[in-house]
Amino acid sequence: MIFVGNIPIDSEAWKLHKFFKEHGKIEKIWFWSFLTGHQASNHKLAFHNKEIGVIKQTKNAYVLFETKEAAENALVLNGELFEGHHLRVDREEK
Protein backbone atom coordinates (compact mmCIF):
# COMPACT_ATOMS: atom_id res chain seq x y z
CA MET A 1 0.00 0.00 0.00
CA ILE A 2 1.19 3.52 -0.76
CA PHE A 3 0.24 6.98 0.48
CA VAL A 4 -0.43 9.63 -2.15
CA GLY A 5 -0.54 13.28 -1.14
CA ASN A 6 -1.27 16.58 -2.88
CA ILE A 7 -4.09 15.24 -5.06
CA PRO A 8 -6.39 17.93 -6.48
CA ILE A 9 -9.55 18.09 -4.36
CA ASP A 10 -11.85 17.48 -7.35
CA SER A 11 -9.94 14.47 -8.72
CA GLU A 12 -11.70 11.12 -8.85
CA ALA A 13 -10.52 7.61 -7.97
CA TRP A 14 -10.68 6.36 -11.57
CA LYS A 15 -8.18 9.04 -12.64
CA LEU A 16 -5.78 8.01 -9.88
CA HIS A 17 -6.27 4.37 -10.86
CA LYS A 18 -5.38 5.18 -14.45
CA PHE A 19 -2.26 7.05 -13.28
CA PHE A 20 -0.95 4.16 -11.13
CA LYS A 21 -2.16 1.05 -12.98
CA GLU A 22 0.99 0.61 -15.10
CA HIS A 23 2.86 -0.36 -11.93
CA GLY A 24 0.62 -3.28 -10.97
CA LYS A 25 -2.89 -4.44 -10.23
CA ILE A 26 -4.74 -2.12 -7.85
CA GLU A 27 -7.15 -3.63 -5.35
CA LYS A 28 -8.54 -0.47 -3.80
CA ILE A 29 -8.16 3.32 -3.69
CA TRP A 30 -9.64 5.47 -0.97
CA PHE A 31 -9.37 9.16 -0.21
CA TRP A 32 -8.53 10.61 3.16
CA SER A 33 -8.10 13.94 4.96
CA PHE A 34 -10.43 16.36 3.32
CA LEU A 35 -12.70 18.90 4.96
CA THR A 36 -16.33 19.22 4.06
CA GLY A 37 -18.07 22.51 3.53
CA HIS A 38 -20.65 21.69 6.18
CA GLN A 39 -18.42 19.63 8.47
CA ALA A 40 -20.84 16.75 8.00
CA SER A 41 -20.40 13.77 10.26
CA ASN A 42 -20.59 11.41 7.28
CA HIS A 43 -17.46 12.27 5.29
CA LYS A 44 -18.06 9.54 2.71
CA LEU A 45 -21.46 11.03 1.84
CA ALA A 46 -20.10 14.57 1.87
CA PHE A 47 -17.32 13.56 -0.52
CA HIS A 48 -19.78 11.82 -2.83
CA ASN A 49 -21.96 14.96 -2.88
CA LYS A 50 -18.87 17.11 -3.53
CA GLU A 51 -19.50 19.15 -0.37
CA ILE A 52 -15.85 20.03 -0.08
CA GLY A 53 -14.78 23.18 1.74
CA VAL A 54 -12.88 25.93 0.00
CA ILE A 55 -10.13 25.95 2.62
CA LYS A 56 -8.39 22.80 1.42
CA GLN A 57 -7.32 22.51 -2.22
CA THR A 58 -5.82 19.02 -2.04
CA LYS A 59 -6.57 15.64 -0.54
CA ASN A 60 -4.70 12.42 0.18
CA ALA A 61 -5.31 8.83 -0.81
CA TYR A 62 -4.17 5.32 -0.13
CA VAL A 63 -3.60 2.96 -3.02
CA LEU A 64 -3.62 -0.74 -2.21
CA PHE A 65 -1.82 -2.85 -4.79
CA GLU A 66 -2.21 -6.60 -5.17
CA THR A 67 1.50 -7.13 -4.48
CA LYS A 68 4.14 -5.42 -2.40
CA GLU A 69 6.39 -5.30 -5.48
CA ALA A 70 3.78 -3.28 -7.39
CA ALA A 71 3.57 -0.80 -4.52
CA GLU A 72 7.36 -0.48 -4.49
CA ASN A 73 7.38 0.09 -8.26
CA ALA A 74 4.83 2.88 -7.92
CA LEU A 75 7.17 4.88 -5.69
CA VAL A 76 8.93 6.15 -8.82
CA LEU A 77 5.92 8.44 -9.31
CA ASN A 78 6.91 10.56 -6.31
CA GLY A 79 7.08 14.16 -7.50
CA GLU A 80 5.36 13.45 -10.83
CA LEU A 81 2.76 15.87 -12.15
CA PHE A 82 -0.89 14.76 -11.84
CA GLU A 83 -3.63 17.18 -12.91
CA GLY A 84 -1.36 20.16 -12.27
CA HIS A 85 -0.09 18.97 -8.86
CA HIS A 86 3.20 17.33 -7.96
CA LEU A 87 2.26 14.17 -6.05
CA ARG A 88 3.85 12.93 -2.88
CA VAL A 89 4.08 9.15 -3.14
CA ASP A 90 5.42 7.24 -0.17
CA ARG A 91 5.29 3.82 1.52
CA GLU A 92 2.49 3.16 3.94
CA GLU A 93 3.54 0.41 6.28
CA LYS A 94 0.82 -1.77 7.77
PDB file of N, CA and C in Angstrom:
ATOM      1  N   MET A   1       0.848  -1.168   0.000  1.00  0.00           N
ATOM      2  CA  MET A   1       0.000   0.000   0.000  1.00  0.00           C
ATOM      3  C   MET A   1       0.895   1.233   0.000  1.00  0.00           C
ATOM      4  N   ILE A   2       0.449   2.270  -0.729  1.00  0.00           N
ATOM      5  CA  ILE A   2       1.187   3.525  -0.760  1.00  0.00           C
ATOM      6  C   ILE A   2       0.277   4.669  -0.334  1.00  0.00           C
ATOM      7  N   PHE A   3       0.900   5.726   0.158  1.00  0.00           N
ATOM      8  CA  PHE A   3       0.242   6.981   0.480  1.00  0.00           C
ATOM      9  C   PHE A   3       0.474   7.918  -0.689  1.00  0.00           C
ATOM     10  N   VAL A   4      -0.559   8.641  -1.081  1.00  0.00           N
ATOM     11  CA  VAL A   4      -0.429   9.625  -2.154  1.00  0.00           C
ATOM     12  C   VAL A   4      -0.978  10.950  -1.643  1.00  0.00           C
ATOM     13  N   GLY A   5      -0.142  11.960  -1.619  1.00  0.00           N
ATOM     14  CA  GLY A   5      -0.545  13.276  -1.140  1.00  0.00           C
ATOM     15  C   GLY A   5      -0.534  14.308  -2.245  1.00  0.00           C
ATOM     16  N   ASN A   6      -1.186  15.431  -1.972  1.00  0.00           N
ATOM     17  CA  ASN A   6      -1.271  16.584  -2.880  1.00  0.00           C
ATOM     18  C   ASN A   6      -2.105  16.301  -4.127  1.00  0.00           C
ATOM     19  N   ILE A   7      -3.160  15.540  -3.956  1.00  0.00           N
ATOM     20  CA  ILE A   7      -4.092  15.239  -5.055  1.00  0.00           C
ATOM     21  C   ILE A   7      -5.098  16.388  -5.155  1.00  0.00           C
ATOM     22  N   PRO A   8      -5.391  16.885  -6.350  1.00  0.00           N
ATOM     23  CA  PRO A   8      -6.394  17.932  -6.480  1.00  0.00           C
ATOM     24  C   PRO A   8      -7.719  17.500  -5.841  1.00  0.00           C
ATOM     25  N   ILE A   9      -8.353  18.400  -5.135  1.00  0.00           N
ATOM     26  CA  ILE A   9      -9.551  18.085  -4.362  1.00  0.00           C
ATOM     27  C   ILE A   9     -10.680  17.538  -5.232  1.00  0.00           C
ATOM     28  N   ASP A  10     -10.741  17.922  -6.492  1.00  0.00           N
ATOM     29  CA  ASP A  10     -11.846  17.476  -7.347  1.00  0.00           C
ATOM     30  C   ASP A  10     -11.505  16.235  -8.182  1.00  0.00           C
ATOM     31  N   SER A  11     -10.336  15.661  -7.968  1.00  0.00           N
ATOM     32  CA  SER A  11      -9.943  14.470  -8.718  1.00  0.00           C
ATOM     33  C   SER A  11     -10.741  13.255  -8.245  1.00  0.00           C
ATOM     34  N   GLU A  12     -10.918  12.315  -9.154  1.00  0.00           N
ATOM     35  CA  GLU A  12     -11.703  11.122  -8.850  1.00  0.00           C
ATOM     36  C   GLU A  12     -10.807   9.884  -8.832  1.00  0.00           C
ATOM     37  N   ALA A  13     -11.305   8.835  -8.158  1.00  0.00           N
ATOM     38  CA  ALA A  13     -10.523   7.610  -7.971  1.00  0.00           C
ATOM     39  C   ALA A  13     -10.123   6.983  -9.302  1.00  0.00           C
ATOM     40  N   TRP A  14     -11.000   7.015 -10.295  1.00  0.00           N
ATOM     41  CA  TRP A  14     -10.676   6.361 -11.568  1.00  0.00           C
ATOM     42  C   TRP A  14      -9.477   7.024 -12.246  1.00  0.00           C
ATOM     43  N   LYS A  15      -9.320   8.345 -12.050  1.00  0.00           N
ATOM     44  CA  LYS A  15      -8.178   9.043 -12.636  1.00  0.00           C
ATOM     45  C   LYS A  15      -6.876   8.619 -11.944  1.00  0.00           C
ATOM     46  N   LEU A  16      -6.950   8.471 -10.634  1.00  0.00           N
ATOM     47  CA  LEU A  16      -5.783   8.013  -9.883  1.00  0.00           C
ATOM     48  C   LEU A  16      -5.440   6.571 -10.259  1.00  0.00           C
ATOM     49  N   HIS A  17      -6.465   5.757 -10.442  1.00  0.00           N
ATOM     50  CA  HIS A  17      -6.272   4.366 -10.855  1.00  0.00           C
ATOM     51  C   HIS A  17      -5.548   4.315 -12.199  1.00  0.00           C
ATOM     52  N   LYS A  18      -5.995   5.130 -13.120  1.00  0.00           N
ATOM     53  CA  LYS A  18      -5.378   5.176 -14.450  1.00  0.00           C
ATOM     54  C   LYS A  18      -3.909   5.609 -14.359  1.00  0.00           C
ATOM     55  N   PHE A  19      -3.614   6.528 -13.449  1.00  0.00           N
ATOM     56  CA  PHE A  19      -2.265   7.050 -13.278  1.00  0.00           C
ATOM     57  C   PHE A  19      -1.311   5.990 -12.724  1.00  0.00           C
ATOM     58  N   PHE A  20      -1.804   5.130 -11.816  1.00  0.00           N
ATOM     59  CA  PHE A  20      -0.950   4.165 -11.134  1.00  0.00           C
ATOM     60  C   PHE A  20      -0.983   2.757 -11.719  1.00  0.00           C
ATOM     61  N   LYS A  21      -1.937   2.431 -12.571  1.00  0.00           N
ATOM     62  CA  LYS A  21      -2.157   1.048 -12.985  1.00  0.00           C
ATOM     63  C   LYS A  21      -0.988   0.409 -13.738  1.00  0.00           C
ATOM     64  N   GLU A  22      -0.129   1.194 -14.361  1.00  0.00           N
ATOM     65  CA  GLU A  22       0.991   0.606 -15.099  1.00  0.00           C
ATOM     66  C   GLU A  22       2.017  -0.054 -14.174  1.00  0.00           C
ATOM     67  N   HIS A  23       1.904   0.200 -12.879  1.00  0.00           N
ATOM     68  CA  HIS A  23       2.865  -0.362 -11.927  1.00  0.00           C
ATOM     69  C   HIS A  23       2.378  -1.642 -11.265  1.00  0.00           C
ATOM     70  N   GLY A  24       1.143  -2.030 -11.524  1.00  0.00           N
ATOM     71  CA  GLY A  24       0.624  -3.276 -10.974  1.00  0.00           C
ATOM     72  C   GLY A  24      -0.870  -3.209 -10.738  1.00  0.00           C
ATOM     73  N   LYS A  25      -1.446  -4.362 -10.451  1.00  0.00           N
ATOM     74  CA  LYS A  25      -2.885  -4.443 -10.225  1.00  0.00           C
ATOM     75  C   LYS A  25      -3.262  -3.751  -8.915  1.00  0.00           C
ATOM     76  N   ILE A  26      -4.271  -2.893  -8.996  1.00  0.00           N
ATOM     77  CA  ILE A  26      -4.742  -2.125  -7.849  1.00  0.00           C
ATOM     78  C   ILE A  26      -5.998  -2.791  -7.300  1.00  0.00           C
ATOM     79  N   GLU A  27      -5.990  -3.035  -5.996  1.00  0.00           N
ATOM     80  CA  GLU A  27      -7.154  -3.631  -5.347  1.00  0.00           C
ATOM     81  C   GLU A  27      -8.158  -2.585  -4.882  1.00  0.00           C
ATOM     82  N   LYS A  28      -7.637  -1.463  -4.375  1.00  0.00           N
ATOM     83  CA  LYS A  28      -8.538  -0.469  -3.801  1.00  0.00           C
ATOM     84  C   LYS A  28      -7.847   0.880  -3.719  1.00  0.00           C
ATOM     85  N   ILE A  29      -8.628   1.950  -3.893  1.00  0.00           N
ATOM     86  CA  ILE A  29      -8.160   3.319  -3.693  1.00  0.00           C
ATOM     87  C   ILE A  29      -9.182   4.008  -2.803  1.00  0.00           C
ATOM     88  N   TRP A  30      -8.702   4.688  -1.775  1.00  0.00           N
ATOM     89  CA  TRP A  30      -9.638   5.471  -0.967  1.00  0.00           C
ATOM     90  C   TRP A  30      -8.979   6.790  -0.585  1.00  0.00           C
ATOM     91  N   PHE A  31      -9.835   7.816  -0.528  1.00  0.00           N
ATOM     92  CA  PHE A  31      -9.370   9.165  -0.207  1.00  0.00           C
ATOM     93  C   PHE A  31      -9.476   9.408   1.287  1.00  0.00           C
ATOM     94  N   TRP A  32      -8.629  10.328   1.747  1.00  0.00           N
ATOM     95  CA  TRP A  32      -8.528  10.606   3.163  1.00  0.00           C
ATOM     96  C   TRP A  32      -8.158  12.071   3.362  1.00  0.00           C
ATOM     97  N   SER A  33      -8.490  12.605   4.480  1.00  0.00           N
ATOM     98  CA  SER A  33      -8.102  13.941   4.958  1.00  0.00           C
ATOM     99  C   SER A  33      -8.575  15.084   4.072  1.00  0.00           C
ATOM    100  N   PHE A  34      -9.859  15.191   3.965  1.00  0.00           N
ATOM    101  CA  PHE A  34     -10.425  16.360   3.323  1.00  0.00           C
ATOM    102  C   PHE A  34     -11.470  16.939   4.253  1.00  0.00           C
ATOM    103  N   LEU A  35     -11.706  18.231   4.134  1.00  0.00           N
ATOM    104  CA  LEU A  35     -12.699  18.895   4.957  1.00  0.00           C
ATOM    105  C   LEU A  35     -13.946  19.142   4.137  1.00  0.00           C
ATOM    106  N   THR A  36     -15.079  18.959   4.760  1.00  0.00           N
ATOM    107  CA  THR A  36     -16.334  19.215   4.062  1.00  0.00           C
ATOM    108  C   THR A  36     -16.772  20.646   4.300  1.00  0.00           C
ATOM    109  N   GLY A  37     -17.559  21.159   3.394  1.00  0.00           N
ATOM    110  CA  GLY A  37     -18.072  22.514   3.528  1.00  0.00           C
ATOM    111  C   GLY A  37     -18.982  22.670   4.727  1.00  0.00           C
ATOM    112  N   HIS A  38     -19.700  21.621   5.073  1.00  0.00           N
ATOM    113  CA  HIS A  38     -20.654  21.688   6.176  1.00  0.00           C
ATOM    114  C   HIS A  38     -20.182  20.932   7.408  1.00  0.00           C
ATOM    115  N   GLN A  39     -18.948  20.434   7.370  1.00  0.00           N
ATOM    116  CA  GLN A  39     -18.423  19.635   8.472  1.00  0.00           C
ATOM    117  C   GLN A  39     -19.375  18.503   8.828  1.00  0.00           C
ATOM    118  N   ALA A  40     -19.897  17.859   7.815  1.00  0.00           N
ATOM    119  CA  ALA A  40     -20.837  16.755   8.004  1.00  0.00           C
ATOM    120  C   ALA A  40     -20.177  15.617   8.755  1.00  0.00           C
ATOM    121  N   SER A  41     -20.957  14.896   9.514  1.00  0.00           N
ATOM    122  CA  SER A  41     -20.404  13.774  10.260  1.00  0.00           C
ATOM    123  C   SER A  41     -20.124  12.594   9.341  1.00  0.00           C
ATOM    124  N   ASN A  42     -20.798  12.505   8.221  1.00  0.00           N
ATOM    125  CA  ASN A  42     -20.592  11.412   7.279  1.00  0.00           C
ATOM    126  C   ASN A  42     -19.702  11.908   6.139  1.00  0.00           C
ATOM    127  N   HIS A  43     -18.396  11.757   6.288  1.00  0.00           N
ATOM    128  CA  HIS A  43     -17.460  12.273   5.288  1.00  0.00           C
ATOM    129  C   HIS A  43     -17.591  11.568   3.946  1.00  0.00           C
ATOM    130  N   LYS A  44     -17.916  10.282   3.961  1.00  0.00           N
ATOM    131  CA  LYS A  44     -18.055   9.542   2.709  1.00  0.00           C
ATOM    132  C   LYS A  44     -19.202  10.141   1.880  1.00  0.00           C
ATOM    133  N   LEU A  45     -20.318  10.433   2.531  1.00  0.00           N
ATOM    134  CA  LEU A  45     -21.462  11.031   1.844  1.00  0.00           C
ATOM    135  C   LEU A  45     -21.131  12.444   1.380  1.00  0.00           C
ATOM    136  N   ALA A  46     -20.463  13.210   2.232  1.00  0.00           N
ATOM    137  CA  ALA A  46     -20.100  14.573   1.868  1.00  0.00           C
ATOM    138  C   ALA A  46     -19.171  14.586   0.662  1.00  0.00           C
ATOM    139  N   PHE A  47     -18.229  13.643   0.617  1.00  0.00           N
ATOM    140  CA  PHE A  47     -17.318  13.560  -0.519  1.00  0.00           C
ATOM    141  C   PHE A  47     -18.083  13.207  -1.785  1.00  0.00           C
ATOM    142  N   HIS A  48     -18.978  12.238  -1.675  1.00  0.00           N
ATOM    143  CA  HIS A  48     -19.781  11.820  -2.827  1.00  0.00           C
ATOM    144  C   HIS A  48     -20.605  12.987  -3.370  1.00  0.00           C
ATOM    145  N   ASN A  49     -21.134  13.817  -2.479  1.00  0.00           N
ATOM    146  CA  ASN A  49     -21.959  14.960  -2.875  1.00  0.00           C
ATOM    147  C   ASN A  49     -21.131  16.184  -3.233  1.00  0.00           C
ATOM    148  N   LYS A  50     -19.804  16.028  -3.205  1.00  0.00           N
ATOM    149  CA  LYS A  50     -18.866  17.108  -3.529  1.00  0.00           C
ATOM    150  C   LYS A  50     -19.067  18.334  -2.628  1.00  0.00           C
ATOM    151  N   GLU A  51     -19.358  18.088  -1.356  1.00  0.00           N
ATOM    152  CA  GLU A  51     -19.505  19.148  -0.367  1.00  0.00           C
ATOM    153  C   GLU A  51     -18.156  19.412   0.282  1.00  0.00           C
ATOM    154  N   ILE A  52     -17.221  19.824  -0.531  1.00  0.00           N
ATOM    155  CA  ILE A  52     -15.854  20.031  -0.084  1.00  0.00           C
ATOM    156  C   ILE A  52     -15.659  21.508   0.236  1.00  0.00           C
ATOM    157  N   GLY A  53     -15.028  21.797   1.347  1.00  0.00           N
ATOM    158  CA  GLY A  53     -14.780  23.179   1.740  1.00  0.00           C
ATOM    159  C   GLY A  53     -13.779  23.859   0.836  1.00  0.00           C
ATOM    160  N   VAL A  54     -13.786  25.167   0.859  1.00  0.00           N
ATOM    161  CA  VAL A  54     -12.881  25.930   0.002  1.00  0.00           C
ATOM    162  C   VAL A  54     -11.513  26.119   0.653  1.00  0.00           C
ATOM    163  N   ILE A  55     -11.382  25.756   1.915  1.00  0.00           N
ATOM    164  CA  ILE A  55     -10.126  25.954   2.618  1.00  0.00           C
ATOM    165  C   ILE A  55      -9.041  25.026   2.081  1.00  0.00           C
ATOM    166  N   LYS A  56      -9.376  23.806   1.829  1.00  0.00           N
ATOM    167  CA  LYS A  56      -8.389  22.804   1.420  1.00  0.00           C
ATOM    168  C   LYS A  56      -8.479  22.582  -0.093  1.00  0.00           C
ATOM    169  N   GLN A  57      -7.355  22.656  -0.765  1.00  0.00           N
ATOM    170  CA  GLN A  57      -7.320  22.507  -2.221  1.00  0.00           C
ATOM    171  C   GLN A  57      -6.824  21.131  -2.658  1.00  0.00           C
ATOM    172  N   THR A  58      -6.322  20.343  -1.713  1.00  0.00           N
ATOM    173  CA  THR A  58      -5.820  19.016  -2.044  1.00  0.00           C
ATOM    174  C   THR A  58      -6.342  17.991  -1.040  1.00  0.00           C
ATOM    175  N   LYS A  59      -6.194  16.736  -1.425  1.00  0.00           N
ATOM    176  CA  LYS A  59      -6.571  15.639  -0.540  1.00  0.00           C
ATOM    177  C   LYS A  59      -5.516  14.555  -0.663  1.00  0.00           C
ATOM    178  N   ASN A  60      -5.628  13.548   0.177  1.00  0.00           N
ATOM    179  CA  ASN A  60      -4.695  12.424   0.181  1.00  0.00           C
ATOM    180  C   ASN A  60      -5.453  11.149  -0.144  1.00  0.00           C
ATOM    181  N   ALA A  61      -4.690  10.129  -0.516  1.00  0.00           N
ATOM    182  CA  ALA A  61      -5.308   8.835  -0.811  1.00  0.00           C
ATOM    183  C   ALA A  61      -4.356   7.719  -0.410  1.00  0.00           C
ATOM    184  N   TYR A  62      -4.940   6.552  -0.290  1.00  0.00           N
ATOM    185  CA  TYR A  62      -4.166   5.324  -0.128  1.00  0.00           C
ATOM    186  C   TYR A  62      -4.474   4.448  -1.333  1.00  0.00           C
ATOM    187  N   VAL A  63      -3.440   3.858  -1.885  1.00  0.00           N
ATOM    188  CA  VAL A  63      -3.597   2.959  -3.023  1.00  0.00           C
ATOM    189  C   VAL A  63      -3.087   1.598  -2.584  1.00  0.00           C
ATOM    190  N   LEU A  64      -3.975   0.624  -2.602  1.00  0.00           N
ATOM    191  CA  LEU A  64      -3.623  -0.736  -2.214  1.00  0.00           C
ATOM    192  C   LEU A  64      -3.405  -1.559  -3.472  1.00  0.00           C
ATOM    193  N   PHE A  65      -2.173  -2.011  -3.651  1.00  0.00           N
ATOM    194  CA  PHE A  65      -1.823  -2.851  -4.790  1.00  0.00           C
ATOM    195  C   PHE A  65      -1.965  -4.316  -4.404  1.00  0.00           C
ATOM    196  N   GLU A  66      -2.098  -5.161  -5.408  1.00  0.00           N
ATOM    197  CA  GLU A  66      -2.210  -6.598  -5.172  1.00  0.00           C
ATOM    198  C   GLU A  66      -0.925  -7.175  -4.576  1.00  0.00           C
ATOM    199  N   THR A  67       0.219  -6.624  -4.983  1.00  0.00           N
ATOM    200  CA  THR A  67       1.504  -7.134  -4.475  1.00  0.00           C
ATOM    201  C   THR A  67       2.336  -5.998  -3.891  1.00  0.00           C
ATOM    202  N   LYS A  68       3.225  -6.385  -2.995  1.00  0.00           N
ATOM    203  CA  LYS A  68       4.142  -5.422  -2.401  1.00  0.00           C
ATOM    204  C   LYS A  68       5.100  -4.878  -3.461  1.00  0.00           C
ATOM    205  N   GLU A  69       5.476  -5.721  -4.416  1.00  0.00           N
ATOM    206  CA  GLU A  69       6.391  -5.298  -5.484  1.00  0.00           C
ATOM    207  C   GLU A  69       5.760  -4.193  -6.332  1.00  0.00           C
ATOM    208  N   ALA A  70       4.475  -4.314  -6.614  1.00  0.00           N
ATOM    209  CA  ALA A  70       3.783  -3.281  -7.393  1.00  0.00           C
ATOM    210  C   ALA A  70       3.789  -1.951  -6.645  1.00  0.00           C
ATOM    211  N   ALA A  71       3.546  -2.016  -5.338  1.00  0.00           N
ATOM    212  CA  ALA A  71       3.572  -0.796  -4.522  1.00  0.00           C
ATOM    213  C   ALA A  71       4.962  -0.172  -4.546  1.00  0.00           C
ATOM    214  N   GLU A  72       5.981  -0.988  -4.438  1.00  0.00           N
ATOM    215  CA  GLU A  72       7.360  -0.483  -4.492  1.00  0.00           C
ATOM    216  C   GLU A  72       7.646   0.162  -5.848  1.00  0.00           C
ATOM    217  N   ASN A  73       7.170  -0.459  -6.917  1.00  0.00           N
ATOM    218  CA  ASN A  73       7.384   0.090  -8.262  1.00  0.00           C
ATOM    219  C   ASN A  73       6.713   1.445  -8.431  1.00  0.00           C
ATOM    220  N   ALA A  74       5.583   1.638  -7.786  1.00  0.00           N
ATOM    221  CA  ALA A  74       4.828   2.884  -7.923  1.00  0.00           C
ATOM    222  C   ALA A  74       5.514   4.064  -7.245  1.00  0.00           C
ATOM    223  N   LEU A  75       6.466   3.798  -6.385  1.00  0.00           N
ATOM    224  CA  LEU A  75       7.167   4.879  -5.685  1.00  0.00           C
ATOM    225  C   LEU A  75       7.941   5.793  -6.636  1.00  0.00           C
ATOM    226  N   VAL A  76       8.220   5.311  -7.845  1.00  0.00           N
ATOM    227  CA  VAL A  76       8.927   6.153  -8.824  1.00  0.00           C
ATOM    228  C   VAL A  76       8.090   7.358  -9.247  1.00  0.00           C
ATOM    229  N   LEU A  77       6.799   7.336  -8.938  1.00  0.00           N
ATOM    230  CA  LEU A  77       5.923   8.441  -9.313  1.00  0.00           C
ATOM    231  C   LEU A  77       5.960   9.602  -8.319  1.00  0.00           C
ATOM    232  N   ASN A  78       6.762   9.467  -7.268  1.00  0.00           N
ATOM    233  CA  ASN A  78       6.907  10.563  -6.313  1.00  0.00           C
ATOM    234  C   ASN A  78       7.414  11.810  -7.028  1.00  0.00           C
ATOM    235  N   GLY A  79       6.693  12.903  -6.869  1.00  0.00           N
ATOM    236  CA  GLY A  79       7.075  14.164  -7.503  1.00  0.00           C
ATOM    237  C   GLY A  79       6.533  14.358  -8.902  1.00  0.00           C
ATOM    238  N   GLU A  80       5.906  13.335  -9.467  1.00  0.00           N
ATOM    239  CA  GLU A  80       5.363  13.449 -10.828  1.00  0.00           C
ATOM    240  C   GLU A  80       4.132  14.351 -10.838  1.00  0.00           C
ATOM    241  N   LEU A  81       3.880  14.968 -11.975  1.00  0.00           N
ATOM    242  CA  LEU A  81       2.759  15.874 -12.151  1.00  0.00           C
ATOM    243  C   LEU A  81       1.476  15.104 -12.438  1.00  0.00           C
ATOM    244  N   PHE A  82       0.425  15.385 -11.674  1.00  0.00           N
ATOM    245  CA  PHE A  82      -0.888  14.759 -11.837  1.00  0.00           C
ATOM    246  C   PHE A  82      -1.930  15.862 -11.744  1.00  0.00           C
ATOM    247  N   GLU A  83      -2.592  16.138 -12.848  1.00  0.00           N
ATOM    248  CA  GLU A  83      -3.627  17.183 -12.906  1.00  0.00           C
ATOM    249  C   GLU A  83      -3.135  18.513 -12.333  1.00  0.00           C
ATOM    250  N   GLY A  84      -1.908  18.872 -12.682  1.00  0.00           N
ATOM    251  CA  GLY A  84      -1.357  20.158 -12.268  1.00  0.00           C
ATOM    252  C   GLY A  84      -0.743  20.192 -10.877  1.00  0.00           C
ATOM    253  N   HIS A  85      -0.663  19.056 -10.208  1.00  0.00           N
ATOM    254  CA  HIS A  85      -0.095  18.975  -8.863  1.00  0.00           C
ATOM    255  C   HIS A  85       1.042  17.952  -8.849  1.00  0.00           C
ATOM    256  N   HIS A  86       2.115  18.279  -8.164  1.00  0.00           N
ATOM    257  CA  HIS A  86       3.205  17.328  -7.965  1.00  0.00           C
ATOM    258  C   HIS A  86       2.814  16.421  -6.803  1.00  0.00           C
ATOM    259  N   LEU A  87       2.706  15.123  -7.072  1.00  0.00           N
ATOM    260  CA  LEU A  87       2.258  14.169  -6.055  1.00  0.00           C
ATOM    261  C   LEU A  87       3.371  13.807  -5.086  1.00  0.00           C
ATOM    262  N   ARG A  88       2.956  13.537  -3.884  1.00  0.00           N
ATOM    263  CA  ARG A  88       3.854  12.933  -2.884  1.00  0.00           C
ATOM    264  C   ARG A  88       3.455  11.462  -2.789  1.00  0.00           C
ATOM    265  N   VAL A  89       4.347  10.591  -3.157  1.00  0.00           N
ATOM    266  CA  VAL A  89       4.076   9.150  -3.141  1.00  0.00           C
ATOM    267  C   VAL A  89       5.074   8.512  -2.185  1.00  0.00           C
ATOM    268  N   ASP A  90       4.558   7.798  -1.194  1.00  0.00           N
ATOM    269  CA  ASP A  90       5.421   7.236  -0.167  1.00  0.00           C
ATOM    270  C   ASP A  90       4.864   5.891   0.303  1.00  0.00           C
ATOM    271  N   ARG A  91       5.713   5.101   0.934  1.00  0.00           N
ATOM    272  CA  ARG A  91       5.295   3.819   1.516  1.00  0.00           C
ATOM    273  C   ARG A  91       4.321   4.056   2.660  1.00  0.00           C
ATOM    274  N   GLU A  92       3.381   3.168   2.778  1.00  0.00           N
ATOM    275  CA  GLU A  92       2.492   3.160   3.938  1.00  0.00           C
ATOM    276  C   GLU A  92       2.609   1.784   4.540  1.00  0.00           C
ATOM    277  N   GLU A  93       3.303   1.702   5.628  1.00  0.00           N
ATOM    278  CA  GLU A  93       3.539   0.410   6.283  1.00  0.00           C
ATOM    279  C   GLU A  93       2.314   0.023   7.087  1.00  0.00           C
ATOM    280  N   LYS A  94       1.970  -1.245   7.001  1.00  0.00           N
ATOM    281  CA  LYS A  94       0.819  -1.771   7.768  1.00  0.00           C
ATOM    282  C   LYS A  94       1.307  -2.459   8.996  1.00  0.00           C
TER     283      LYS A  94
END
